Amino acid sequence: MTFVVTDVCIACKYTDCVEVCPVDCFYEGENMLVINPDECIDCGVCEPECPIEAIIADTDPRAEKFLELNREYSTGKWPVITRIKPALSNAEAMKDKKNKLEEDFSPNPGEGD
């Protein structure tokens, strides 16, 4: 089992989760985070830290469509992030928006550490 970041993170990018990760497996895109499923040690400490519940176990049926997205962007496309940063300025307004993957996802990398 591993954990994945879902589209709930898009346009919010809360980073509370990265600070508690013992193996630094989070990667930063322009408007979301992803977890490298091959680096994740399945400890689960990140999941309860996400204030908008954007992190789920890969055993959750909702995770299937996000596992490959997490793998793709965490392996060479986006930089690692290990420290907490402010959420995006529109995070509160965007946290409950639907269809974020189709309408708001950016493949551009973030700044990383």
PDB file of N, CA and C in Angstrom:
ATOM      1  N   MET A   1       0.842  -1.180   0.000  1.00  0.00           N
ATOM      2  CA  MET A   1       0.000   0.000   0.000  1.00  0.00           C
ATOM      3  C   MET A   1       0.887   1.243   0.000  1.00  0.00           C
ATOM      4  N   THR A   2       0.409   2.264  -0.672  1.00  0.00           N
ATOM      5  CA  THR A   2       1.062   3.569  -0.697  1.00  0.00           C
ATOM      6  C   THR A   2      -0.033   4.626  -0.614  1.00  0.00           C
ATOM      7  N   PHE A   3       0.365   5.855  -0.556  1.00  0.00           N
ATOM      8  CA  PHE A   3      -0.596   6.948  -0.515  1.00  0.00           C
ATOM      9  C   PHE A   3      -0.448   7.785  -1.755  1.00  0.00           C
ATOM     10  N   VAL A   4      -1.534   8.420  -2.184  1.00  0.00           N
ATOM     11  CA  VAL A   4      -1.525   9.271  -3.368  1.00  0.00           C
ATOM     12  C   VAL A   4      -2.235  10.577  -3.052  1.00  0.00           C
ATOM     13  N   VAL A   5      -1.839  11.605  -3.788  1.00  0.00           N
ATOM     14  CA  VAL A   5      -2.508  12.892  -3.698  1.00  0.00           C
ATOM     15  C   VAL A   5      -3.540  12.930  -4.820  1.00  0.00           C
ATOM     16  N   THR A   6      -4.752  13.350  -4.485  1.00  0.00           N
ATOM     17  CA  THR A   6      -5.833  13.414  -5.472  1.00  0.00           C
ATOM     18  C   THR A   6      -6.004  14.839  -5.998  1.00  0.00           C
ATOM     19  N   ASP A   7      -6.944  14.995  -6.903  1.00  0.00           N
ATOM     20  CA  ASP A   7      -7.214  16.295  -7.506  1.00  0.00           C
ATOM     21  C   ASP A   7      -7.758  17.323  -6.522  1.00  0.00           C
ATOM     22  N   VAL A   8      -8.126  16.905  -5.333  1.00  0.00           N
ATOM     23  CA  VAL A   8      -8.584  17.850  -4.313  1.00  0.00           C
ATOM     24  C   VAL A   8      -7.471  18.863  -4.018  1.00  0.00           C
ATOM     25  N   CYS A   9      -6.223  18.453  -4.154  1.00  0.00           N
ATOM     26  CA  CYS A   9      -5.066  19.315  -3.886  1.00  0.00           C
ATOM     27  C   CYS A   9      -4.904  20.424  -4.933  1.00  0.00           C
ATOM     28  N   ILE A  10      -5.368  20.198  -6.142  1.00  0.00           N
ATOM     29  CA  ILE A  10      -5.179  21.150  -7.229  1.00  0.00           C
ATOM     30  C   ILE A  10      -5.764  22.512  -6.860  1.00  0.00           C
ATOM     31  N   ALA A  11      -4.974  23.536  -7.097  1.00  0.00           N
ATOM     32  CA  ALA A  11      -5.328  24.936  -6.844  1.00  0.00           C
ATOM     33  C   ALA A  11      -5.400  25.280  -5.359  1.00  0.00           C
ATOM     34  N   CYS A  12      -4.963  24.370  -4.500  1.00  0.00           N
ATOM     35  CA  CYS A  12      -4.902  24.622  -3.055  1.00  0.00           C
ATOM     36  C   CYS A  12      -3.456  24.528  -2.579  1.00  0.00           C
ATOM     37  N   LYS A  13      -2.864  23.350  -2.743  1.00  0.00           N
ATOM     38  CA  LYS A  13      -1.466  23.051  -2.426  1.00  0.00           C
ATOM     39  C   LYS A  13      -1.100  23.382  -0.980  1.00  0.00           C
ATOM     40  N   TYR A  14      -1.868  22.817  -0.062  1.00  0.00           N
ATOM     41  CA  TYR A  14      -1.461  22.881   1.344  1.00  0.00           C
ATOM     42  C   TYR A  14      -0.250  21.979   1.496  1.00  0.00           C
ATOM     43  N   THR A  15       0.709  22.374   2.300  1.00  0.00           N
ATOM     44  CA  THR A  15       1.944  21.598   2.410  1.00  0.00           C
ATOM     45  C   THR A  15       2.195  21.054   3.817  1.00  0.00           C
ATOM     46  N   ASP A  16       1.184  21.012   4.636  1.00  0.00           N
ATOM     47  CA  ASP A  16       1.324  20.463   5.988  1.00  0.00           C
ATOM     48  C   ASP A  16       1.875  19.036   5.942  1.00  0.00           C
ATOM     49  N   CYS A  17       1.501  18.299   4.924  1.00  0.00           N
ATOM     50  CA  CYS A  17       1.882  16.896   4.774  1.00  0.00           C
ATOM     51  C   CYS A  17       3.369  16.696   4.563  1.00  0.00           C
ATOM     52  N   VAL A  18       4.017  17.602   3.852  1.00  0.00           N
ATOM     53  CA  VAL A  18       5.433  17.393   3.528  1.00  0.00           C
ATOM     54  C   VAL A  18       6.332  17.494   4.751  1.00  0.00           C
ATOM     55  N   GLU A  19       5.922  18.298   5.692  1.00  0.00           N
ATOM     56  CA  GLU A  19       6.740  18.496   6.887  1.00  0.00           C
ATOM     57  C   GLU A  19       6.834  17.242   7.755  1.00  0.00           C
ATOM     58  N   VAL A  20       5.819  16.397   7.717  1.00  0.00           N
ATOM     59  CA  VAL A  20       5.813  15.191   8.551  1.00  0.00           C
ATOM     60  C   VAL A  20       6.332  13.948   7.837  1.00  0.00           C
ATOM     61  N   CYS A  21       6.558  14.035   6.541  1.00  0.00           N
ATOM     62  CA  CYS A  21       7.001  12.868   5.765  1.00  0.00           C
ATOM     63  C   CYS A  21       8.428  12.488   6.139  1.00  0.00           C
ATOM     64  N   PRO A  22       8.637  11.266   6.645  1.00  0.00           N
ATOM     65  CA  PRO A  22       9.986  10.866   7.064  1.00  0.00           C
ATOM     66  C   PRO A  22      10.921  10.502   5.914  1.00  0.00           C
ATOM     67  N   VAL A  23      10.398  10.347   4.690  1.00  0.00           N
ATOM     68  CA  VAL A  23      11.251   9.939   3.570  1.00  0.00           C
ATOM     69  C   VAL A  23      11.270  10.947   2.422  1.00  0.00           C
ATOM     70  N   ASP A  24      10.681  12.099   2.615  1.00  0.00           N
ATOM     71  CA  ASP A  24      10.708  13.172   1.610  1.00  0.00           C
ATOM     72  C   ASP A  24      10.253  12.691   0.231  1.00  0.00           C
ATOM     73  N   CYS A  25       9.055  12.113   0.181  1.00  0.00           N
ATOM     74  CA  CYS A  25       8.558  11.578  -1.091  1.00  0.00           C
ATOM     75  C   CYS A  25       7.512  12.476  -1.757  1.00  0.00           C
ATOM     76  N   PHE A  26       7.399  13.732  -1.313  1.00  0.00           N
ATOM     77  CA  PHE A  26       6.476  14.677  -1.939  1.00  0.00           C
ATOM     78  C   PHE A  26       7.199  15.503  -2.987  1.00  0.00           C
ATOM     79  N   TYR A  27       6.494  15.785  -4.073  1.00  0.00           N
ATOM     80  CA  TYR A  27       7.032  16.567  -5.174  1.00  0.00           C
ATOM     81  C   TYR A  27       6.047  17.681  -5.484  1.00  0.00           C
ATOM     82  N   GLU A  28       6.609  18.840  -5.869  1.00  0.00           N
ATOM     83  CA  GLU A  28       5.795  20.042  -6.008  1.00  0.00           C
ATOM     84  C   GLU A  28       5.588  20.461  -7.456  1.00  0.00           C
ATOM     85  N   GLY A  29       4.316  20.551  -7.824  1.00  0.00           N
ATOM     86  CA  GLY A  29       3.941  21.132  -9.095  1.00  0.00           C
ATOM     87  C   GLY A  29       3.529  22.576  -8.883  1.00  0.00           C
ATOM     88  N   GLU A  30       3.216  23.241  -9.953  1.00  0.00           N
ATOM     89  CA  GLU A  30       2.814  24.641  -9.875  1.00  0.00           C
ATOM     90  C   GLU A  30       1.603  24.841  -8.972  1.00  0.00           C
ATOM     91  N   ASN A  31       0.627  23.902  -9.048  1.00  0.00           N
ATOM     92  CA  ASN A  31      -0.578  24.112  -8.235  1.00  0.00           C
ATOM     93  C   ASN A  31      -1.049  22.875  -7.473  1.00  0.00           C
ATOM     94  N   MET A  32      -0.179  21.899  -7.290  1.00  0.00           N
ATOM     95  CA  MET A  32      -0.512  20.739  -6.458  1.00  0.00           C
ATOM     96  C   MET A  32       0.753  19.993  -6.070  1.00  0.00           C
ATOM     97  N   LEU A  33       0.597  19.018  -5.197  1.00  0.00           N
ATOM     98  CA  LEU A  33       1.677  18.126  -4.792  1.00  0.00           C
ATOM     99  C   LEU A  33       1.363  16.719  -5.260  1.00  0.00           C
ATOM    100  N   VAL A  34       2.380  15.884  -5.363  1.00  0.00           N
ATOM    101  CA  VAL A  34       2.194  14.455  -5.617  1.00  0.00           C
ATOM    102  C   VAL A  34       3.142  13.681  -4.709  1.00  0.00           C
ATOM    103  N   ILE A  35       2.862  12.404  -4.551  1.00  0.00           N
ATOM    104  CA  ILE A  35       3.694  11.490  -3.769  1.00  0.00           C
ATOM    105  C   ILE A  35       4.311  10.479  -4.725  1.00  0.00           C
ATOM    106  N   ASN A  36       5.604  10.234  -4.566  1.00  0.00           N
ATOM    107  CA  ASN A  36       6.235   9.188  -5.353  1.00  0.00           C
ATOM    108  C   ASN A  36       5.859   7.853  -4.711  1.00  0.00           C
ATOM    109  N   PRO A  37       5.043   7.037  -5.386  1.00  0.00           N
ATOM    110  CA  PRO A  37       4.581   5.791  -4.779  1.00  0.00           C
ATOM    111  C   PRO A  37       5.681   4.766  -4.555  1.00  0.00           C
ATOM    112  N   ASP A  38       6.805   4.911  -5.249  1.00  0.00           N
ATOM    113  CA  ASP A  38       7.917   3.989  -5.057  1.00  0.00           C
ATOM    114  C   ASP A  38       8.798   4.394  -3.879  1.00  0.00           C
ATOM    115  N   GLU A  39       8.696   5.635  -3.446  1.00  0.00           N
ATOM    116  CA  GLU A  39       9.468   6.118  -2.299  1.00  0.00           C
ATOM    117  C   GLU A  39       8.651   6.100  -1.011  1.00  0.00           C
ATOM    118  N   CYS A  40       7.341   6.163  -1.133  1.00  0.00           N
ATOM    119  CA  CYS A  40       6.456   6.185   0.032  1.00  0.00           C
ATOM    120  C   CYS A  40       6.613   4.887   0.829  1.00  0.00           C
ATOM    121  N   ILE A  41       6.761   5.013   2.150  1.00  0.00           N
ATOM    122  CA  ILE A  41       6.937   3.829   2.998  1.00  0.00           C
ATOM    123  C   ILE A  41       5.634   3.424   3.690  1.00  0.00           C
ATOM    124  N   ASP A  42       4.547   4.009   3.257  1.00  0.00           N
ATOM    125  CA  ASP A  42       3.219   3.629   3.743  1.00  0.00           C
ATOM    126  C   ASP A  42       3.011   3.881   5.232  1.00  0.00           C
ATOM    127  N   CYS A  43       3.682   4.868   5.768  1.00  0.00           N
ATOM    128  CA  CYS A  43       3.542   5.137   7.204  1.00  0.00           C
ATOM    129  C   CYS A  43       2.208   5.819   7.521  1.00  0.00           C
ATOM    130  N   GLY A  44       1.670   6.573   6.556  1.00  0.00           N
ATOM    131  CA  GLY A  44       0.369   7.193   6.739  1.00  0.00           C
ATOM    132  C   GLY A  44       0.340   8.474   7.542  1.00  0.00           C
ATOM    133  N   VAL A  45       1.486   8.993   7.955  1.00  0.00           N
ATOM    134  CA  VAL A  45       1.463  10.207   8.774  1.00  0.00           C
ATOM    135  C   VAL A  45       1.013  11.440   7.989  1.00  0.00           C
ATOM    136  N   CYS A  46       1.138  11.416   6.689  1.00  0.00           N
ATOM    137  CA  CYS A  46       0.737  12.561   5.870  1.00  0.00           C
ATOM    138  C   CYS A  46      -0.779  12.699   5.751  1.00  0.00           C
ATOM    139  N   GLU A  47      -1.454  11.594   5.690  1.00  0.00           N
ATOM    140  CA  GLU A  47      -2.899  11.600   5.419  1.00  0.00           C
ATOM    141  C   GLU A  47      -3.692  12.484   6.385  1.00  0.00           C
ATOM    142  N   PRO A  48      -3.546  12.352   7.695  1.00  0.00           N
ATOM    143  CA  PRO A  48      -4.331  13.190   8.591  1.00  0.00           C
ATOM    144  C   PRO A  48      -3.868  14.646   8.645  1.00  0.00           C
ATOM    145  N   GLU A  49      -2.684  14.931   8.109  1.00  0.00           N
ATOM    146  CA  GLU A  49      -2.175  16.307   8.120  1.00  0.00           C
ATOM    147  C   GLU A  49      -2.808  17.183   7.051  1.00  0.00           C
ATOM    148  N   CYS A  50      -3.357  16.585   6.016  1.00  0.00           N
ATOM    149  CA  CYS A  50      -3.949  17.357   4.924  1.00  0.00           C
ATOM    150  C   CYS A  50      -5.287  17.948   5.387  1.00  0.00           C
ATOM    151  N   PRO A  51      -5.399  19.274   5.418  1.00  0.00           N
ATOM    152  CA  PRO A  51      -6.620  19.904   5.919  1.00  0.00           C
ATOM    153  C   PRO A  51      -7.830  19.750   4.997  1.00  0.00           C
ATOM    154  N   ILE A  52      -7.592  19.310   3.753  1.00  0.00           N
ATOM    155  CA  ILE A  52      -8.715  19.160   2.819  1.00  0.00           C
ATOM    156  C   ILE A  52      -8.904  17.712   2.358  1.00  0.00           C
ATOM    157  N   GLU A  53      -8.229  16.778   3.021  1.00  0.00           N
ATOM    158  CA  GLU A  53      -8.362  15.350   2.744  1.00  0.00           C
ATOM    159  C   GLU A  53      -8.055  14.983   1.290  1.00  0.00           C
ATOM    160  N   ALA A  54      -6.953  15.528   0.791  1.00  0.00           N
ATOM    161  CA  ALA A  54      -6.538  15.267  -0.592  1.00  0.00           C
ATOM    162  C   ALA A  54      -5.650  14.041  -0.716  1.00  0.00           C
ATOM    163  N   ILE A  55      -5.232  13.455   0.405  1.00  0.00           N
ATOM    164  CA  ILE A  55      -4.351  12.289   0.398  1.00  0.00           C
ATOM    165  C   ILE A  55      -5.145  11.056   0.809  1.00  0.00           C
ATOM    166  N   ILE A  56      -5.040  10.013  -0.016  1.00  0.00           N
ATOM    167  CA  ILE A  56      -5.760   8.772   0.272  1.00  0.00           C
ATOM    168  C   ILE A  56      -4.848   7.573   0.029  1.00  0.00           C
ATOM    169  N   ALA A  57      -5.192   6.459   0.629  1.00  0.00           N
ATOM    170  CA  ALA A  57      -4.450   5.215   0.412  1.00  0.00           C
ATOM    171  C   ALA A  57      -4.744   4.676  -0.984  1.00  0.00           C
ATOM    172  N   ASP A  58      -3.779   4.013  -1.563  1.00  0.00           N
ATOM    173  CA  ASP A  58      -3.996   3.477  -2.912  1.00  0.00           C
ATOM    174  C   ASP A  58      -5.011   2.340  -2.947  1.00  0.00           C
ATOM    175  N   THR A  59      -5.423   1.858  -1.795  1.00  0.00           N
ATOM    176  CA  THR A  59      -6.467   0.834  -1.738  1.00  0.00           C
ATOM    177  C   THR A  59      -7.862   1.433  -1.856  1.00  0.00           C
ATOM    178  N   ASP A  60      -7.966   2.737  -1.722  1.00  0.00           N
ATOM    179  CA  ASP A  60      -9.234   3.440  -1.891  1.00  0.00           C
ATOM    180  C   ASP A  60      -9.582   3.416  -3.381  1.00  0.00           C
ATOM    181  N   PRO A  61     -10.803   3.067  -3.752  1.00  0.00           N
ATOM    182  CA  PRO A  61     -11.169   3.019  -5.179  1.00  0.00           C
ATOM    183  C   PRO A  61     -10.944   4.336  -5.919  1.00  0.00           C
ATOM    184  N   ARG A  62     -11.001   5.456  -5.239  1.00  0.00           N
ATOM    185  CA  ARG A  62     -10.778   6.757  -5.876  1.00  0.00           C
ATOM    186  C   ARG A  62      -9.321   6.968  -6.273  1.00  0.00           C
ATOM    187  N   ALA A  63      -8.420   6.187  -5.715  1.00  0.00           N
ATOM    188  CA  ALA A  63      -6.985   6.384  -5.935  1.00  0.00           C
ATOM    189  C   ALA A  63      -6.501   5.916  -7.301  1.00  0.00           C
ATOM    190  N   GLU A  64      -7.186   5.005  -7.906  1.00  0.00           N
ATOM    191  CA  GLU A  64      -6.706   4.389  -9.149  1.00  0.00           C
ATOM    192  C   GLU A  64      -6.316   5.414 -10.214  1.00  0.00           C
ATOM    193  N   LYS A  65      -7.152   6.400 -10.457  1.00  0.00           N
ATOM    194  CA  LYS A  65      -6.860   7.368 -11.518  1.00  0.00           C
ATOM    195  C   LYS A  65      -5.751   8.346 -11.150  1.00  0.00           C
ATOM    196  N   PHE A  66      -5.361   8.389  -9.879  1.00  0.00           N
ATOM    197  CA  PHE A  66      -4.329   9.323  -9.441  1.00  0.00           C
ATOM    198  C   PHE A  66      -2.972   8.671  -9.219  1.00  0.00           C
ATOM    199  N   LEU A  67      -2.917   7.364  -9.137  1.00  0.00           N
ATOM    200  CA  LEU A  67      -1.655   6.672  -8.897  1.00  0.00           C
ATOM    201  C   LEU A  67      -0.645   6.951 -10.010  1.00  0.00           C
ATOM    202  N   GLU A  68      -1.061   6.843 -11.243  1.00  0.00           N
ATOM    203  CA  GLU A  68      -0.143   7.075 -12.356  1.00  0.00           C
ATOM    204  C   GLU A  68       0.252   8.548 -12.451  1.00  0.00           C
ATOM    205  N   LEU A  69      -0.676   9.464 -12.170  1.00  0.00           N
ATOM    206  CA  LEU A  69      -0.360  10.889 -12.165  1.00  0.00           C
ATOM    207  C   LEU A  69       0.712  11.181 -11.114  1.00  0.00           C
ATOM    208  N   ASN A  70       0.566  10.614  -9.917  1.00  0.00           N
ATOM    209  CA  ASN A  70       1.553  10.794  -8.860  1.00  0.00           C
ATOM    210  C   ASN A  70       2.902  10.240  -9.295  1.00  0.00           C
ATOM    211  N   ARG A  71       2.896   9.063  -9.884  1.00  0.00           N
ATOM    212  CA  ARG A  71       4.156   8.440 -10.326  1.00  0.00           C
ATOM    213  C   ARG A  71       4.812   9.277 -11.430  1.00  0.00           C
ATOM    214  N   GLU A  72       4.046   9.676 -12.409  1.00  0.00           N
ATOM    215  CA  GLU A  72       4.595  10.424 -13.553  1.00  0.00           C
ATOM    216  C   GLU A  72       5.272  11.726 -13.130  1.00  0.00           C
ATOM    217  N   TYR A  73       4.603  12.508 -12.302  1.00  0.00           N
ATOM    218  CA  TYR A  73       5.140  13.825 -11.964  1.00  0.00           C
ATOM    219  C   TYR A  73       6.166  13.794 -10.838  1.00  0.00           C
ATOM    220  N   SER A  74       6.269  12.695 -10.121  1.00  0.00           N
ATOM    221  CA  SER A  74       7.264  12.601  -9.046  1.00  0.00           C
ATOM    222  C   SER A  74       8.556  11.944  -9.510  1.00  0.00           C
ATOM    223  N   THR A  75       8.623  11.551 -10.751  1.00  0.00           N
ATOM    224  CA  THR A  75       9.837  10.904 -11.255  1.00  0.00           C
ATOM    225  C   THR A  75      10.468  11.743 -12.364  1.00  0.00           C
ATOM    226  N   GLY A  76      11.083  12.821 -11.946  1.00  0.00           N
ATOM    227  CA  GLY A  76      11.854  13.622 -12.884  1.00  0.00           C
ATOM    228  C   GLY A  76      11.187  14.860 -13.438  1.00  0.00           C
ATOM    229  N   LYS A  77       9.882  15.020 -13.239  1.00  0.00           N
ATOM    230  CA  LYS A  77       9.214  16.193 -13.793  1.00  0.00           C
ATOM    231  C   LYS A  77       9.093  17.337 -12.790  1.00  0.00           C
ATOM    232  N   TRP A  78       8.847  17.002 -11.536  1.00  0.00           N
ATOM    233  CA  TRP A  78       8.668  18.023 -10.498  1.00  0.00           C
ATOM    234  C   TRP A  78       9.734  17.870  -9.429  1.00  0.00           C
ATOM    235  N   PRO A  79      10.126  18.982  -8.780  1.00  0.00           N
ATOM    236  CA  PRO A  79      11.140  18.905  -7.728  1.00  0.00           C
ATOM    237  C   PRO A  79      10.573  18.429  -6.389  1.00  0.00           C
ATOM    238  N   VAL A  80      11.459  17.862  -5.582  1.00  0.00           N
ATOM    239  CA  VAL A  80      11.078  17.418  -4.250  1.00  0.00           C
ATOM    240  C   VAL A  80      10.784  18.641  -3.379  1.00  0.00           C
ATOM    241  N   ILE A  81       9.853  18.472  -2.463  1.00  0.00           N
ATOM    242  CA  ILE A  81       9.539  19.511  -1.482  1.00  0.00           C
ATOM    243  C   ILE A  81       9.549  18.852  -0.105  1.00  0.00           C
ATOM    244  N   THR A  82      10.251  19.488   0.843  1.00  0.00           N
ATOM    245  CA  THR A  82      10.390  18.898   2.175  1.00  0.00           C
ATOM    246  C   THR A  82      10.011  19.867   3.291  1.00  0.00           C
ATOM    247  N   ARG A  83       9.652  21.086   2.929  1.00  0.00           N
ATOM    248  CA  ARG A  83       9.308  22.055   3.972  1.00  0.00           C
ATOM    249  C   ARG A  83       7.949  22.677   3.691  1.00  0.00           C
ATOM    250  N   ILE A  84       7.336  23.124   4.746  1.00  0.00           N
ATOM    251  CA  ILE A  84       6.016  23.727   4.639  1.00  0.00           C
ATOM    252  C   ILE A  84       6.117  25.102   3.982  1.00  0.00           C
ATOM    253  N   LYS A  85       5.151  25.391   3.144  1.00  0.00           N
ATOM    254  CA  LYS A  85       5.033  26.684   2.465  1.00  0.00           C
ATOM    255  C   LYS A  85       3.579  27.133   2.593  1.00  0.00           C
ATOM    256  N   PRO A  86       3.321  28.401   2.389  1.00  0.00           N
ATOM    257  CA  PRO A  86       1.921  28.847   2.421  1.00  0.00           C
ATOM    258  C   PRO A  86       1.118  28.193   1.298  1.00  0.00           C
ATOM    259  N   ALA A  87      -0.136  27.930   1.580  1.00  0.00           N
ATOM    260  CA  ALA A  87      -1.032  27.401   0.538  1.00  0.00           C
ATOM    261  C   ALA A  87      -1.219  28.469  -0.535  1.00  0.00           C
ATOM    262  N   LEU A  88      -1.760  28.077  -1.662  1.00  0.00           N
ATOM    263  CA  LEU A  88      -2.037  29.045  -2.713  1.00  0.00           C
ATOM    264  C   LEU A  88      -3.068  30.062  -2.224  1.00  0.00           C
ATOM    265  N   SER A  89      -3.002  31.248  -2.752  1.00  0.00           N
ATOM    266  CA  SER A  89      -3.853  32.336  -2.263  1.00  0.00           C
ATOM    267  C   SER A  89      -5.343  32.060  -2.419  1.00  0.00           C
ATOM    268  N   ASN A  90      -5.715  31.253  -3.376  1.00  0.00           N
ATOM    269  CA  ASN A  90      -7.137  30.951  -3.605  1.00  0.00           C
ATOM    270  C   ASN A  90      -7.549  29.590  -3.038  1.00  0.00           C
ATOM    271  N   ALA A  91      -6.736  29.020  -2.180  1.00  0.00           N
ATOM    272  CA  ALA A  91      -6.967  27.664  -1.659  1.00  0.00           C
ATOM    273  C   ALA A  91      -8.324  27.513  -0.987  1.00  0.00           C
ATOM    274  N   GLU A  92      -8.682  28.428  -0.149  1.00  0.00           N
ATOM    275  CA  GLU A  92      -9.955  28.313   0.565  1.00  0.00           C
ATOM    276  C   GLU A  92     -11.132  28.316  -0.410  1.00  0.00           C
ATOM    277  N   ALA A  93     -11.090  29.151  -1.405  1.00  0.00           N
ATOM    278  CA  ALA A  93     -12.174  29.231  -2.390  1.00  0.00           C
ATOM    279  C   ALA A  93     -12.223  28.005  -3.300  1.00  0.00           C
ATOM    280  N   MET A  94     -11.068  27.375  -3.531  1.00  0.00           N
ATOM    281  CA  MET A  94     -10.982  26.253  -4.469  1.00  0.00           C
ATOM    282  C   MET A  94     -11.118  24.875  -3.825  1.00  0.00           C
ATOM    283  N   LYS A  95     -11.086  24.789  -2.503  1.00  0.00           N
ATOM    284  CA  LYS A  95     -10.998  23.479  -1.849  1.00  0.00           C
ATOM    285  C   LYS A  95     -12.151  22.532  -2.168  1.00  0.00           C
ATOM    286  N   ASP A  96     -13.335  23.034  -2.431  1.00  0.00           N
ATOM    287  CA  ASP A  96     -14.484  22.170  -2.710  1.00  0.00           C
ATOM    288  C   ASP A  96     -14.884  22.130  -4.183  1.00  0.00           C
ATOM    289  N   LYS A  97     -14.125  22.755  -5.043  1.00  0.00           N
ATOM    290  CA  LYS A  97     -14.450  22.792  -6.467  1.00  0.00           C
ATOM    291  C   LYS A  97     -14.367  21.393  -7.068  1.00  0.00           C
ATOM    292  N   LYS A  98     -15.271  21.083  -7.947  1.00  0.00           N
ATOM    293  CA  LYS A  98     -15.285  19.795  -8.652  1.00  0.00           C
ATOM    294  C   LYS A  98     -14.549  19.930  -9.985  1.00  0.00           C
ATOM    295  N   ASN A  99     -14.183  18.813 -10.588  1.00  0.00           N
ATOM    296  CA  ASN A  99     -13.546  18.740 -11.909  1.00  0.00           C
ATOM    297  C   ASN A  99     -12.224  19.503 -11.992  1.00  0.00           C
ATOM    298  N   LYS A 100     -11.484  19.545 -10.908  1.00  0.00           N
ATOM    299  CA  LYS A 100     -10.225  20.285 -10.921  1.00  0.00           C
ATOM    300  C   LYS A 100      -9.175  19.647 -11.826  1.00  0.00           C
ATOM    301  N   LEU A 101      -9.159  18.331 -11.923  1.00  0.00           N
ATOM    302  CA  LEU A 101      -8.167  17.679 -12.773  1.00  0.00           C
ATOM    303  C   LEU A 101      -8.351  18.111 -14.226  1.00  0.00           C
ATOM    304  N   GLU A 102      -9.566  18.126 -14.678  1.00  0.00           N
ATOM    305  CA  GLU A 102      -9.858  18.488 -16.064  1.00  0.00           C
ATOM    306  C   GLU A 102      -9.744  19.990 -16.317  1.00  0.00           C
ATOM    307  N   GLU A 103     -10.072  20.800 -15.340  1.00  0.00           N
ATOM    308  CA  GLU A 103     -10.163  22.241 -15.556  1.00  0.00           C
ATOM    309  C   GLU A 103      -8.999  23.064 -15.009  1.00  0.00           C
ATOM    310  N   ASP A 104      -8.304  22.575 -13.987  1.00  0.00           N
ATOM    311  CA  ASP A 104      -7.332  23.419 -13.299  1.00  0.00           C
ATOM    312  C   ASP A 104      -5.918  22.856 -13.152  1.00  0.00           C
ATOM    313  N   PHE A 105      -5.706  21.596 -13.495  1.00  0.00           N
ATOM    314  CA  PHE A 105      -4.393  20.973 -13.336  1.00  0.00           C
ATOM    315  C   PHE A 105      -3.334  21.673 -14.195  1.00  0.00           C
ATOM    316  N   SER A 106      -2.158  21.888 -13.615  1.00  0.00           N
ATOM    317  CA  SER A 106      -1.018  22.417 -14.363  1.00  0.00           C
ATOM    318  C   SER A 106       0.117  21.399 -14.315  1.00  0.00           C
ATOM    319  N   PRO A 107       0.673  21.045 -15.471  1.00  0.00           N
ATOM    320  CA  PRO A 107       1.809  20.114 -15.495  1.00  0.00           C
ATOM    321  C   PRO A 107       3.136  20.807 -15.180  1.00  0.00           C
ATOM    322  N   ASN A 108       3.116  22.116 -14.991  1.00  0.00           N
ATOM    323  CA  ASN A 108       4.337  22.861 -14.732  1.00  0.00           C
ATOM    324  C   ASN A 108       4.887  22.557 -13.345  1.00  0.00           C
ATOM    325  N   PRO A 109       6.211  22.517 -13.220  1.00  0.00           N
ATOM    326  CA  PRO A 109       6.809  22.240 -11.914  1.00  0.00           C
ATOM    327  C   PRO A 109       6.683  23.419 -10.965  1.00  0.00           C
ATOM    328  N   GLY A 110       6.755  23.106  -9.685  1.00  0.00           N
ATOM    329  CA  GLY A 110       6.825  24.139  -8.662  1.00  0.00           C
ATOM    330  C   GLY A 110       8.272  24.507  -8.416  1.00  0.00           C
ATOM    331  N   GLU A 111       8.514  25.205  -7.323  1.00  0.00           N
ATOM    332  CA  GLU A 111       9.870  25.654  -7.010  1.00  0.00           C
ATOM    333  C   GLU A 111      10.687  24.607  -6.272  1.00  0.00           C
ATOM    334  N   GLY A 112      10.010  23.721  -5.514  1.00  0.00           N
ATOM    335  CA  GLY A 112      10.730  22.746  -4.712  1.00  0.00           C
ATOM    336  C   GLY A 112      11.465  23.421  -3.570  1.00  0.00           C
ATOM    337  N   ASP A 113      12.436  22.735  -3.001  1.00  0.00           N
ATOM    338  CA  ASP A 113      13.204  23.305  -1.887  1.00  0.00           C
ATOM    339  C   ASP A 113      14.389  24.099  -2.384  1.00  0.00           C
TER     340      ASP A 113
END
